[in-house]
PDB file of N, CA and C in Angstrom:
ATOM      1  N   MET A   1       5.779 -10.933  -4.511  1.00  0.00           N
ATOM      2  CA  MET A   1       5.649 -11.796  -5.666  1.00  0.00           C
ATOM      3  C   MET A   1       6.903 -11.651  -6.535  1.00  0.00           C
ATOM      4  N   TRP A   2       7.422 -12.757  -6.969  1.00  0.00           N
ATOM      5  CA  TRP A   2       8.564 -12.800  -7.885  1.00  0.00           C
ATOM      6  C   TRP A   2       8.084 -13.220  -9.266  1.00  0.00           C
ATOM      7  N   TYR A   3       8.715 -12.676 -10.273  1.00  0.00           N
ATOM      8  CA  TYR A   3       8.346 -12.967 -11.655  1.00  0.00           C
ATOM      9  C   TYR A   3       9.565 -13.459 -12.420  1.00  0.00           C
ATOM     10  N   LEU A   4       9.383 -14.544 -13.129  1.00  0.00           N
ATOM     11  CA  LEU A   4      10.378 -15.008 -14.089  1.00  0.00           C
ATOM     12  C   LEU A   4       9.907 -14.484 -15.440  1.00  0.00           C
ATOM     13  N   TYR A   5      10.818 -13.937 -16.220  1.00  0.00           N
ATOM     14  CA  TYR A   5      10.433 -13.397 -17.517  1.00  0.00           C
ATOM     15  C   TYR A   5      11.415 -13.842 -18.593  1.00  0.00           C
ATOM     16  N   ILE A   6      10.910 -13.896 -19.798  1.00  0.00           N
ATOM     17  CA  ILE A   6      11.752 -14.054 -20.984  1.00  0.00           C
ATOM     18  C   ILE A   6      11.395 -12.884 -21.884  1.00  0.00           C
ATOM     19  N   CYS A   7      12.404 -12.136 -22.263  1.00  0.00           N
ATOM     20  CA  CYS A   7      12.177 -11.031 -23.186  1.00  0.00           C
ATOM     21  C   CYS A   7      13.141 -11.177 -24.366  1.00  0.00           C
ATOM     22  N   LYS A   8      12.834 -10.479 -25.417  1.00  0.00           N
ATOM     23  CA  LYS A   8      13.650 -10.554 -26.618  1.00  0.00           C
ATOM     24  C   LYS A   8      14.127  -9.156 -26.963  1.00  0.00           C
ATOM     25  N   LYS A   9      15.424  -9.046 -27.154  1.00  0.00           N
ATOM     26  CA  LYS A   9      16.027  -7.780 -27.561  1.00  0.00           C
ATOM     27  C   LYS A   9      16.910  -8.095 -28.756  1.00  0.00           C
ATOM     28  N   GLY A  10      16.551  -7.549 -29.905  1.00  0.00           N
ATOM     29  CA  GLY A  10      17.233  -7.947 -31.127  1.00  0.00           C
ATOM     30  C   GLY A  10      16.874  -9.391 -31.409  1.00  0.00           C
ATOM     31  N   GLU A  11      17.859 -10.210 -31.569  1.00  0.00           N
ATOM     32  CA  GLU A  11      17.625 -11.639 -31.806  1.00  0.00           C
ATOM     33  C   GLU A  11      17.899 -12.495 -30.572  1.00  0.00           C
ATOM     34  N   LEU A  12      18.206 -11.852 -29.456  1.00  0.00           N
ATOM     35  CA  LEU A  12      18.569 -12.579 -28.245  1.00  0.00           C
ATOM     36  C   LEU A  12      17.416 -12.665 -27.265  1.00  0.00           C
ATOM     37  N   PHE A  13      17.316 -13.806 -26.592  1.00  0.00           N
ATOM     38  CA  PHE A  13      16.378 -13.979 -25.495  1.00  0.00           C
ATOM     39  C   PHE A  13      17.111 -13.712 -24.187  1.00  0.00           C
ATOM     40  N   TYR A  14      16.471 -12.974 -23.299  1.00  0.00           N
ATOM     41  CA  TYR A  14      16.988 -12.748 -21.965  1.00  0.00           C
ATOM     42  C   TYR A  14      16.008 -13.356 -20.976  1.00  0.00           C
ATOM     43  N   THR A  15      16.520 -14.122 -20.036  1.00  0.00           N
ATOM     44  CA  THR A  15      15.706 -14.736 -19.000  1.00  0.00           C
ATOM     45  C   THR A  15      16.180 -14.204 -17.660  1.00  0.00           C
ATOM     46  N   GLY A  16      15.237 -13.809 -16.815  1.00  0.00           N
ATOM     47  CA  GLY A  16      15.621 -13.290 -15.514  1.00  0.00           C
ATOM     48  C   GLY A  16      14.457 -13.342 -14.540  1.00  0.00           C
ATOM     49  N   ILE A  17      14.734 -12.882 -13.314  1.00  0.00           N
ATOM     50  CA  ILE A  17      13.701 -12.791 -12.291  1.00  0.00           C
ATOM     51  C   ILE A  17      13.710 -11.378 -11.716  1.00  0.00           C
ATOM     52  N   THR A  18      12.556 -10.956 -11.233  1.00  0.00           N
ATOM     53  CA  THR A  18      12.422  -9.621 -10.664  1.00  0.00           C
ATOM     54  C   THR A  18      11.152  -9.544  -9.834  1.00  0.00           C
ATOM     55  N   THR A  19      11.058  -8.528  -9.002  1.00  0.00           N
ATOM     56  CA  THR A  19       9.815  -8.245  -8.294  1.00  0.00           C
ATOM     57  C   THR A  19       9.065  -7.096  -8.969  1.00  0.00           C
ATOM     58  N   ASP A  20       9.711  -6.450  -9.937  1.00  0.00           N
ATOM     59  CA  ASP A  20       9.125  -5.287 -10.614  1.00  0.00           C
ATOM     60  C   ASP A  20       9.383  -5.403 -12.119  1.00  0.00           C
ATOM     61  N   VAL A  21       8.426  -5.988 -12.821  1.00  0.00           N
ATOM     62  CA  VAL A  21       8.598  -6.260 -14.252  1.00  0.00           C
ATOM     63  C   VAL A  21       8.762  -4.967 -15.057  1.00  0.00           C
ATOM     64  N   LYS A  22       7.954  -3.969 -14.765  1.00  0.00           N
ATOM     65  CA  LYS A  22       8.026  -2.698 -15.515  1.00  0.00           C
ATOM     66  C   LYS A  22       9.403  -2.051 -15.366  1.00  0.00           C
ATOM     67  N   ASN A  23       9.939  -2.043 -14.149  1.00  0.00           N
ATOM     68  CA  ASN A  23      11.258  -1.456 -13.926  1.00  0.00           C
ATOM     69  C   ASN A  23      12.332  -2.262 -14.650  1.00  0.00           C
ATOM     70  N   ARG A  24      12.240  -3.573 -14.596  1.00  0.00           N
ATOM     71  CA  ARG A  24      13.224  -4.426 -15.251  1.00  0.00           C
ATOM     72  C   ARG A  24      13.173  -4.236 -16.767  1.00  0.00           C
ATOM     73  N   GLN A  25      11.972  -4.100 -17.292  1.00  0.00           N
ATOM     74  CA  GLN A  25      11.802  -3.868 -18.723  1.00  0.00           C
ATOM     75  C   GLN A  25      12.469  -2.541 -19.106  1.00  0.00           C
ATOM     76  N   ARG A  26      12.283  -1.519 -18.289  1.00  0.00           N
ATOM     77  CA  ARG A  26      12.923  -0.225 -18.530  1.00  0.00           C
ATOM     78  C   ARG A  26      14.443  -0.374 -18.510  1.00  0.00           C
ATOM     79  N   GLN A  27      14.973  -1.115 -17.547  1.00  0.00           N
ATOM     80  CA  GLN A  27      16.416  -1.308 -17.433  1.00  0.00           C
ATOM     81  C   GLN A  27      16.996  -2.011 -18.659  1.00  0.00           C
ATOM     82  N   HIS A  28      16.211  -2.898 -19.271  1.00  0.00           N
ATOM     83  CA  HIS A  28      16.658  -3.622 -20.468  1.00  0.00           C
ATOM     84  C   HIS A  28      16.435  -2.809 -21.747  1.00  0.00           C
ATOM     85  N   GLY A  29      15.823  -1.634 -21.651  1.00  0.00           N
ATOM     86  CA  GLY A  29      15.565  -0.828 -22.832  1.00  0.00           C
ATOM     87  C   GLY A  29      14.235  -1.128 -23.488  1.00  0.00           C
ATOM     88  N   TYR A  30      13.250  -1.535 -22.697  1.00  0.00           N
ATOM     89  CA  TYR A  30      11.882  -1.796 -23.135  1.00  0.00           C
ATOM     90  C   TYR A  30      11.747  -2.881 -24.196  1.00  0.00           C
ATOM     91  N   PRO A  31      12.359  -4.034 -23.962  1.00  0.00           N
ATOM     92  CA  PRO A  31      12.162  -5.136 -24.911  1.00  0.00           C
ATOM     93  C   PRO A  31      10.766  -5.741 -24.739  1.00  0.00           C
ATOM     94  N   GLU A  32      10.368  -6.507 -25.712  1.00  0.00           N
ATOM     95  CA  GLU A  32       9.083  -7.197 -25.661  1.00  0.00           C
ATOM     96  C   GLU A  32       9.164  -8.353 -24.661  1.00  0.00           C
ATOM     97  N   ILE A  33       8.239  -8.396 -23.712  1.00  0.00           N
ATOM     98  CA  ILE A  33       8.156  -9.517 -22.766  1.00  0.00           C
ATOM     99  C   ILE A  33       7.375 -10.632 -23.455  1.00  0.00           C
ATOM    100  N   LEU A  34       8.008 -11.768 -23.636  1.00  0.00           N
ATOM    101  CA  LEU A  34       7.410 -12.869 -24.372  1.00  0.00           C
ATOM    102  C   LEU A  34       6.776 -13.920 -23.471  1.00  0.00           C
ATOM    103  N   HIS A  35       7.272 -14.020 -22.250  1.00  0.00           N
ATOM    104  CA  HIS A  35       6.794 -15.056 -21.335  1.00  0.00           C
ATOM    105  C   HIS A  35       7.001 -14.570 -19.912  1.00  0.00           C
ATOM    106  N   ILE A  36       6.034 -14.874 -19.048  1.00  0.00           N
ATOM    107  CA  ILE A  36       6.165 -14.497 -17.645  1.00  0.00           C
ATOM    108  C   ILE A  36       5.509 -15.571 -16.778  1.00  0.00           C
ATOM    109  N   GLU A  37       6.134 -15.850 -15.640  1.00  0.00           N
ATOM    110  CA  GLU A  37       5.603 -16.800 -14.662  1.00  0.00           C
ATOM    111  C   GLU A  37       5.682 -16.148 -13.285  1.00  0.00           C
ATOM    112  N   ASN A  38       4.712 -16.429 -12.423  1.00  0.00           N
ATOM    113  CA  ASN A  38       4.654 -15.855 -11.068  1.00  0.00           C
ATOM    114  C   ASN A  38       5.129 -16.871 -10.042  1.00  0.00           C
ATOM    115  N   TYR A  39       5.875 -16.390  -9.046  1.00  0.00           N
ATOM    116  CA  TYR A  39       6.347 -17.231  -7.941  1.00  0.00           C
ATOM    117  C   TYR A  39       6.250 -16.455  -6.639  1.00  0.00           C
ATOM    118  N   VAL A  40       5.836 -17.112  -5.592  1.00  0.00           N
ATOM    119  CA  VAL A  40       5.775 -16.490  -4.272  1.00  0.00           C
ATOM    120  C   VAL A  40       7.177 -16.406  -3.683  1.00  0.00           C
ATOM    121  N   ASP A  41       7.973 -17.413  -3.920  1.00  0.00           N
ATOM    122  CA  ASP A  41       9.292 -17.547  -3.296  1.00  0.00           C
ATOM    123  C   ASP A  41      10.418 -17.263  -4.303  1.00  0.00           C
ATOM    124  N   LYS A  42      11.373 -16.450  -3.896  1.00  0.00           N
ATOM    125  CA  LYS A  42      12.508 -16.124  -4.768  1.00  0.00           C
ATOM    126  C   LYS A  42      13.292 -17.386  -5.143  1.00  0.00           C
ATOM    127  N   LYS A  43      13.416 -18.306  -4.206  1.00  0.00           N
ATOM    128  CA  LYS A  43      14.164 -19.536  -4.459  1.00  0.00           C
ATOM    129  C   LYS A  43      13.552 -20.331  -5.613  1.00  0.00           C
ATOM    130  N   ASP A  44      12.237 -20.408  -5.651  1.00  0.00           N
ATOM    131  CA  ASP A  44      11.557 -21.127  -6.731  1.00  0.00           C
ATOM    132  C   ASP A  44      11.737 -20.414  -8.074  1.00  0.00           C
ATOM    133  N   ALA A  45      11.644 -19.097  -8.062  1.00  0.00           N
ATOM    134  CA  ALA A  45      11.840 -18.318  -9.291  1.00  0.00           C
ATOM    135  C   ALA A  45      13.270 -18.494  -9.805  1.00  0.00           C
ATOM    136  N   ALA A  46      14.243 -18.468  -8.899  1.00  0.00           N
ATOM    137  CA  ALA A  46      15.650 -18.618  -9.291  1.00  0.00           C
ATOM    138  C   ALA A  46      15.927 -20.022  -9.827  1.00  0.00           C
ATOM    139  N   ARG A  47      15.298 -21.010  -9.247  1.00  0.00           N
ATOM    140  CA  ARG A  47      15.458 -22.388  -9.719  1.00  0.00           C
ATOM    141  C   ARG A  47      14.945 -22.521 -11.156  1.00  0.00           C
ATOM    142  N   ARG A  48      13.771 -21.936 -11.409  1.00  0.00           N
ATOM    143  CA  ARG A  48      13.184 -21.985 -12.758  1.00  0.00           C
ATOM    144  C   ARG A  48      14.032 -21.186 -13.756  1.00  0.00           C
ATOM    145  N   GLU A  49      14.554 -20.043 -13.314  1.00  0.00           N
ATOM    146  CA  GLU A  49      15.426 -19.234 -14.170  1.00  0.00           C
ATOM    147  C   GLU A  49      16.654 -20.052 -14.598  1.00  0.00           C
ATOM    148  N   LYS A  50      17.267 -20.712 -13.660  1.00  0.00           N
ATOM    149  CA  LYS A  50      18.445 -21.529 -13.961  1.00  0.00           C
ATOM    150  C   LYS A  50      18.087 -22.642 -14.945  1.00  0.00           C
ATOM    151  N   GLN A  51      16.933 -23.266 -14.743  1.00  0.00           N
ATOM    152  CA  GLN A  51      16.495 -24.333 -15.635  1.00  0.00           C
ATOM    153  C   GLN A  51      16.345 -23.806 -17.068  1.00  0.00           C
ATOM    154  N   ILE A  52      15.622 -22.703 -17.229  1.00  0.00           N
ATOM    155  CA  ILE A  52      15.364 -22.164 -18.563  1.00  0.00           C
ATOM    156  C   ILE A  52      16.646 -21.660 -19.221  1.00  0.00           C
ATOM    157  N   LYS A  53      17.532 -21.051 -18.447  1.00  0.00           N
ATOM    158  CA  LYS A  53      18.790 -20.567 -19.020  1.00  0.00           C
ATOM    159  C   LYS A  53      19.633 -21.710 -19.585  1.00  0.00           C
ATOM    160  N   GLY A  54      19.422 -22.928 -19.095  1.00  0.00           N
ATOM    161  CA  GLY A  54      20.145 -24.082 -19.595  1.00  0.00           C
ATOM    162  C   GLY A  54      19.555 -24.673 -20.872  1.00  0.00           C
ATOM    163  N   TRP A  55      18.408 -24.185 -21.272  1.00  0.00           N
ATOM    164  CA  TRP A  55      17.730 -24.708 -22.448  1.00  0.00           C
ATOM    165  C   TRP A  55      18.297 -24.136 -23.743  1.00  0.00           C
ATOM    166  N   CYS A  56      18.141 -24.883 -24.813  1.00  0.00           N
ATOM    167  CA  CYS A  56      18.488 -24.391 -26.142  1.00  0.00           C
ATOM    168  C   CYS A  56      17.404 -23.408 -26.598  1.00  0.00           C
ATOM    169  N   ARG A  57      17.722 -22.628 -27.601  1.00  0.00           N
ATOM    170  CA  ARG A  57      16.786 -21.624 -28.120  1.00  0.00           C
ATOM    171  C   ARG A  57      15.456 -22.259 -28.550  1.00  0.00           C
ATOM    172  N   GLU A  58      15.530 -23.393 -29.217  1.00  0.00           N
ATOM    173  CA  GLU A  58      14.325 -24.060 -29.716  1.00  0.00           C
ATOM    174  C   GLU A  58      13.358 -24.392 -28.581  1.00  0.00           C
ATOM    175  N   LYS A  59      13.887 -24.865 -27.478  1.00  0.00           N
ATOM    176  CA  LYS A  59      13.034 -25.221 -26.329  1.00  0.00           C
ATOM    177  C   LYS A  59      12.410 -23.964 -25.718  1.00  0.00           C
ATOM    178  N   LYS A  60      13.164 -22.866 -25.665  1.00  0.00           N
ATOM    179  CA  LYS A  60      12.613 -21.604 -25.164  1.00  0.00           C
ATOM    180  C   LYS A  60      11.494 -21.101 -26.077  1.00  0.00           C
ATOM    181  N   GLU A  61      11.703 -21.214 -27.378  1.00  0.00           N
ATOM    182  CA  GLU A  61      10.668 -20.796 -28.336  1.00  0.00           C
ATOM    183  C   GLU A  61       9.406 -21.626 -28.177  1.00  0.00           C
ATOM    184  N   LYS A  62       9.556 -22.897 -27.928  1.00  0.00           N
ATOM    185  CA  LYS A  62       8.406 -23.781 -27.722  1.00  0.00           C
ATOM    186  C   LYS A  62       7.621 -23.354 -26.477  1.00  0.00           C
ATOM    187  N   LEU A  63       8.316 -23.013 -25.391  1.00  0.00           N
ATOM    188  CA  LEU A  63       7.670 -22.530 -24.174  1.00  0.00           C
ATOM    189  C   LEU A  63       6.898 -21.248 -24.466  1.00  0.00           C
ATOM    190  N   ILE A  64       7.515 -20.330 -25.178  1.00  0.00           N
ATOM    191  CA  ILE A  64       6.882 -19.054 -25.497  1.00  0.00           C
ATOM    192  C   ILE A  64       5.622 -19.267 -26.335  1.00  0.00           C
ATOM    193  N   ARG A  65       5.686 -20.162 -27.294  1.00  0.00           N
ATOM    194  CA  ARG A  65       4.536 -20.431 -28.170  1.00  0.00           C
ATOM    195  C   ARG A  65       3.410 -21.155 -27.434  1.00  0.00           C
ATOM    196  N   SER A  66       3.725 -21.844 -26.350  1.00  0.00           N
ATOM    197  CA  SER A  66       2.716 -22.640 -25.646  1.00  0.00           C
ATOM    198  C   SER A  66       1.705 -21.794 -24.885  1.00  0.00           C
ATOM    199  N   LYS A  67       1.967 -20.536 -24.707  1.00  0.00           N
ATOM    200  CA  LYS A  67       1.061 -19.658 -23.939  1.00  0.00           C
ATOM    201  C   LYS A  67       0.016 -19.021 -24.827  1.00  0.00           C
TER     202      LYS A  67
END
């Protein structure tokens, strides 16, 4: 299983993909995970990551609030 995540560290949003959310969170210094999506295929997770990384902050905030 692949996971797309958005986390916040300071005032910055970080978007990425991983198979191990806890380990990735540790690597980032334990930021708050604000949004997560599950994907079976790495290609699909990477496609979504690229899409979200292209978004403005406001659109990312709207996605986070929608959950």
